[in-house]
Amino acid sequence: MPNCVRSKRIAVHSRERLTTDAVASWLDALPGWLVVGTAYSQADLLLLCRLRPPDVVVGQLEPESLPEIPLVRLCPASGLASLRTQLERISLPPQRRSGPGALTDREMEVLAHVCSGLSAAQLAAVLRLSPHTVVNYKRRIFTKLGVQSRVQAAAVVSRLGLVRSSCSVPAAHENVPTLTHREHDILDSIARGESVRQTAHALGIAVKTVESEQRQLFFKLRVHNRSQALSEAQRLGLLT
């Protein structure tokens, strides 16, 4: 593809997670398309469109829901070939000027590293920035996401599919760890952006019990903190 031709930016929406993820993964593999994120509710779709403005939305909603963005209705019964034909009929509009609430490409790069569990000092070294600059980036990103912590940021990223893996091939069955019901409960709490104390309150157990169960969860996922656990769980398809 010529360098002067940019990819069409697509947001994918469906009330069913499996449908959304399958369509997004299929689009990710096609040249000329860039999936900016996924949403399972209209509220999340509106947030996604503010954070990462798409050229077109593929979704299960009415056109009047997003009057300013072209919509291709998602109908699983029609098949992916029909969806691709509809998408190819949409001409690429001039690139919109992002609003003040949109994430810049640099902020997305920082956000991806934040969600991978890197500390501010590690992130500064990787991106060759000063720690002060990293802190300022994190502050702006957290404000745009409406969060106050790295775990909450990772939860929003996971929910909206903002950071898309370049190798999103599902892990082999034998490589996916088996989690207990309690570990699944803790993982779901992490996905909601809750703190250890909030997890303990939600599950009606002691903070020390959460910490103990969480250590076992981290061991199974081969990670060291909550944001890494969330990223790895998403990659392995463990989030419900």
Protein backbone atom coordinates (compact mmCIF):
# COMPACT_ATOMS: atom_id res chain seq x y z
CA MET A 1 0.00 0.00 0.00
CA PRO A 2 1.45 3.45 -0.87
CA ASN A 3 2.66 5.49 2.08
CA CYS A 4 0.31 8.32 1.15
CA VAL A 5 -2.75 6.13 1.69
CA ARG A 6 -3.79 5.80 5.31
CA SER A 7 -5.79 2.94 6.75
CA LYS A 8 -9.51 3.26 7.43
CA ARG A 9 -10.06 3.53 11.17
CA ILE A 10 -12.86 1.27 12.38
CA ALA A 11 -14.65 0.94 15.72
CA VAL A 12 -16.53 -2.33 16.25
CA HIS A 13 -19.68 -2.58 18.38
CA SER A 14 -21.84 -5.53 19.36
CA ARG A 15 -23.73 -6.48 22.47
CA GLU A 16 -22.09 -9.91 22.32
CA ARG A 17 -18.39 -10.02 23.19
CA LEU A 18 -17.62 -13.07 21.05
CA THR A 19 -19.12 -11.43 17.96
CA THR A 20 -17.28 -8.16 18.59
CA ASP A 21 -13.93 -9.83 19.17
CA ALA A 22 -14.30 -12.15 16.16
CA VAL A 23 -15.16 -9.31 13.77
CA ALA A 24 -12.39 -7.09 15.16
CA SER A 25 -9.80 -9.86 14.83
CA TRP A 26 -10.91 -10.52 11.25
CA LEU A 27 -10.64 -6.82 10.37
CA ASP A 28 -7.23 -6.62 12.06
CA ALA A 29 -5.93 -9.19 9.57
CA LEU A 30 -7.10 -7.25 6.50
CA PRO A 31 -4.74 -4.77 4.85
CA GLY A 32 -5.97 -1.20 4.78
CA TRP A 33 -8.11 -1.42 7.92
CA LEU A 34 -7.21 -0.28 11.44
CA VAL A 35 -9.42 -1.31 14.35
CA VAL A 36 -9.20 1.50 16.90
CA GLY A 37 -11.22 -0.36 19.53
CA THR A 38 -14.29 -2.38 20.45
CA ALA A 39 -17.38 -1.70 22.52
CA TYR A 40 -20.19 -3.82 23.96
CA SER A 41 -22.51 -0.95 24.93
CA GLN A 42 -23.52 2.31 23.29
CA ALA A 43 -22.04 4.30 26.18
CA ASP A 44 -18.66 2.61 25.68
CA LEU A 45 -18.89 3.18 21.93
CA LEU A 46 -19.39 6.92 22.47
CA LEU A 47 -16.37 6.95 24.80
CA LEU A 48 -14.32 5.02 22.26
CA CYS A 49 -15.27 7.44 19.49
CA ARG A 50 -14.08 10.34 21.64
CA LEU A 51 -10.80 8.69 22.62
CA ARG A 52 -9.95 7.18 19.20
CA PRO A 53 -12.18 8.80 16.54
CA PRO A 54 -12.99 6.24 13.79
CA ASP A 55 -13.77 6.82 10.11
CA VAL A 56 -16.55 4.24 10.26
CA VAL A 57 -18.37 2.20 12.88
CA VAL A 58 -19.34 -1.43 12.39
CA GLY A 59 -22.08 -2.07 14.89
CA GLN A 60 -25.46 -3.26 16.02
CA LEU A 61 -27.16 0.10 16.43
CA GLU A 62 -29.28 2.63 14.58
CA PRO A 63 -27.67 5.27 12.30
CA GLU A 64 -29.09 8.14 14.38
CA SER A 65 -27.01 6.93 17.33
CA LEU A 66 -23.87 8.34 15.67
CA PRO A 67 -25.06 10.85 13.07
CA GLU A 68 -21.57 12.22 12.34
CA ILE A 69 -19.86 8.87 11.65
CA PRO A 70 -20.70 6.44 8.80
CA LEU A 71 -22.24 3.24 10.11
CA VAL A 72 -22.16 -0.27 8.65
CA ARG A 73 -24.78 -2.40 10.34
CA LEU A 74 -23.34 -5.58 11.80
CA CYS A 75 -25.50 -8.56 10.90
CA PRO A 76 -23.76 -11.89 11.69
CA ALA A 77 -26.25 -13.79 9.52
CA SER A 78 -25.07 -11.90 6.40
CA GLY A 79 -21.48 -13.12 6.73
CA LEU A 80 -18.09 -11.43 6.65
CA ALA A 81 -17.95 -11.22 2.84
CA SER A 82 -21.03 -8.99 2.84
CA LEU A 83 -19.53 -6.87 5.60
CA ARG A 84 -16.34 -6.38 3.64
CA THR A 85 -18.27 -5.37 0.53
CA GLN A 86 -20.17 -2.73 2.50
CA LEU A 87 -16.97 -1.38 4.04
CA GLU A 88 -15.25 -1.11 0.67
CA ARG A 89 -18.11 1.03 -0.63
CA ILE A 90 -17.38 3.69 1.99
CA SER A 91 -14.91 6.27 0.70
CA LEU A 92 -12.16 7.34 3.04
CA PRO A 93 -13.11 10.76 4.44
CA PRO A 94 -10.56 13.51 5.10
CA GLN A 95 -8.84 12.82 8.39
CA ARG A 96 -10.84 14.46 11.14
CA ARG A 97 -9.14 16.83 13.51
CA SER A 98 -9.16 15.09 16.86
CA GLY A 99 -10.93 16.80 19.73
CA PRO A 100 -9.22 17.73 22.99
CA GLY A 101 -10.42 14.49 24.61
CA ALA A 102 -8.83 12.21 22.01
CA LEU A 103 -5.68 10.23 22.71
CA THR A 104 -2.68 11.15 20.56
CA ASP A 105 -0.50 8.45 19.00
CA ARG A 106 2.23 9.24 21.53
CA GLU A 107 -0.23 8.96 24.40
CA MET A 108 -1.38 5.60 23.04
CA GLU A 109 2.25 4.45 23.00
CA VAL A 110 2.69 5.54 26.62
CA LEU A 111 -0.64 3.97 27.58
CA ALA A 112 0.34 0.62 26.08
CA HIS A 113 3.51 0.57 28.16
CA VAL A 114 1.64 1.67 31.27
CA CYS A 115 -0.77 -1.24 30.86
CA SER A 116 2.13 -3.65 30.39
CA GLY A 117 3.09 -2.91 33.99
CA LEU A 118 6.17 -0.76 33.46
CA SER A 119 6.99 1.75 36.18
CA ALA A 120 7.46 5.43 35.32
CA ALA A 121 11.24 5.03 35.48
CA GLN A 122 11.19 1.95 33.23
CA LEU A 123 8.82 3.67 30.81
CA ALA A 124 11.09 6.72 30.68
CA ALA A 125 14.04 4.51 29.77
CA VAL A 126 12.13 2.61 27.08
CA LEU A 127 10.75 5.75 25.42
CA ARG A 128 13.85 7.86 26.08
CA LEU A 129 11.90 10.46 27.98
CA SER A 130 12.51 12.12 31.31
CA PRO A 131 10.54 10.70 34.29
CA HIS A 132 8.89 14.12 34.64
CA THR A 133 7.64 13.96 31.03
CA VAL A 134 6.29 10.44 31.61
CA VAL A 135 4.41 11.62 34.70
CA ASN A 136 2.87 14.46 32.68
CA TYR A 137 1.84 12.03 29.93
CA LYS A 138 0.24 9.70 32.47
CA ARG A 139 -1.63 12.60 34.08
CA ARG A 140 -3.10 13.71 30.74
CA ILE A 141 -3.97 10.15 29.74
CA PHE A 142 -5.67 9.38 33.04
CA THR A 143 -7.70 12.60 32.77
CA LYS A 144 -8.90 11.67 29.27
CA LEU A 145 -9.80 8.14 30.42
CA GLY A 146 -11.50 9.44 33.56
CA VAL A 147 -9.38 7.22 35.85
CA GLN A 148 -7.02 7.70 38.76
CA SER A 149 -4.71 4.69 38.66
CA ARG A 150 -2.80 2.40 36.35
CA VAL A 151 -5.13 -0.52 37.12
CA GLN A 152 -8.19 1.59 36.30
CA ALA A 153 -6.52 2.71 33.06
CA ALA A 154 -5.78 -0.92 32.16
CA ALA A 155 -9.42 -1.78 32.85
CA VAL A 156 -10.66 0.86 30.39
CA VAL A 157 -8.09 -0.22 27.80
CA SER A 158 -9.20 -3.84 28.16
CA ARG A 159 -12.90 -2.97 28.02
CA LEU A 160 -12.53 -0.86 24.88
CA GLY A 161 -9.84 -2.94 23.17
CA LEU A 162 -7.70 0.18 22.79
CA VAL A 163 -4.39 -1.67 22.67
CA ARG A 164 -4.61 -4.33 20.03
CA SER A 165 -2.04 -7.10 19.87
CA SER A 166 -0.21 -7.56 16.59
CA CYS A 167 -0.24 -11.29 17.26
CA SER A 168 -3.75 -11.91 18.48
CA VAL A 169 -3.68 -15.64 17.80
CA PRO A 170 -5.51 -17.47 20.60
CA ALA A 171 -3.22 -19.38 22.91
CA ALA A 172 -3.23 -23.14 22.65
CA HIS A 173 -5.63 -24.77 25.07
CA GLU A 174 -2.87 -26.42 27.08
CA ASN A 175 -1.15 -23.06 27.61
CA VAL A 176 -4.20 -21.43 29.20
CA PRO A 177 -4.07 -21.81 32.99
CA THR A 178 -7.07 -23.17 34.86
CA LEU A 179 -8.35 -20.61 37.35
CA THR A 180 -10.43 -21.26 40.44
CA HIS A 181 -13.80 -19.52 40.87
CA ARG A 182 -12.20 -17.16 43.39
CA GLU A 183 -9.36 -16.32 41.00
CA HIS A 184 -11.92 -15.58 38.27
CA ASP A 185 -13.77 -13.32 40.73
CA ILE A 186 -10.56 -11.45 41.50
CA LEU A 187 -9.74 -11.15 37.80
CA ASP A 188 -13.21 -9.74 37.10
CA SER A 189 -12.68 -7.23 39.90
CA ILE A 190 -9.37 -6.17 38.37
CA ALA A 191 -11.13 -5.74 35.01
CA ARG A 192 -13.55 -3.32 36.73
CA GLY A 193 -10.57 -1.25 37.86
CA GLU A 194 -11.08 -2.00 41.56
CA SER A 195 -8.36 -1.82 44.19
CA VAL A 196 -7.39 -4.76 46.43
CA ARG A 197 -9.50 -3.29 49.22
CA GLN A 198 -12.49 -2.85 46.89
CA THR A 199 -12.07 -6.44 45.69
CA ALA A 200 -12.09 -7.67 49.28
CA HIS A 201 -15.25 -5.68 50.03
CA ALA A 202 -17.00 -6.89 46.86
CA LEU A 203 -16.20 -10.54 47.60
CA GLY A 204 -16.80 -10.29 51.34
CA ILE A 205 -13.33 -11.55 52.26
CA ALA A 206 -10.27 -10.16 54.02
CA VAL A 207 -7.71 -8.03 52.21
CA LYS A 208 -5.01 -10.56 53.13
CA THR A 209 -7.09 -13.31 51.52
CA VAL A 210 -7.32 -11.29 48.31
CA GLU A 211 -3.57 -10.70 48.37
CA SER A 212 -2.90 -14.41 48.87
CA GLU A 213 -5.29 -15.49 46.09
CA GLN A 214 -3.95 -12.74 43.87
CA ARG A 215 -0.36 -13.99 44.26
CA GLN A 216 -1.49 -17.40 43.07
CA LEU A 217 -3.31 -15.80 40.13
CA PHE A 218 -0.18 -13.84 39.19
CA PHE A 219 1.89 -17.01 39.39
CA LYS A 220 -0.46 -18.83 37.02
CA LEU A 221 -0.45 -15.93 34.56
CA ARG A 222 3.31 -15.40 34.97
CA VAL A 223 2.90 -11.71 35.74
CA HIS A 224 3.87 -9.37 38.57
CA ASN A 225 1.05 -6.87 38.99
CA ARG A 226 -2.63 -6.21 38.31
CA SER A 227 -2.26 -4.34 35.01
CA GLN A 228 -0.05 -7.12 33.63
CA ALA A 229 -2.57 -9.71 34.85
CA LEU A 230 -5.36 -7.92 33.00
CA SER A 231 -3.38 -7.71 29.74
CA GLU A 232 -2.37 -11.37 29.90
CA ALA A 233 -5.89 -12.53 30.82
CA GLN A 234 -7.27 -10.65 27.82
CA ARG A 235 -4.67 -12.24 25.54
CA LEU A 236 -5.56 -15.71 26.83
CA GLY A 237 -9.31 -15.14 26.50
CA LEU A 238 -9.91 -15.49 30.24
CA LEU A 239 -12.08 -12.39 30.59
CA THR A 240 -15.83 -13.00 30.46
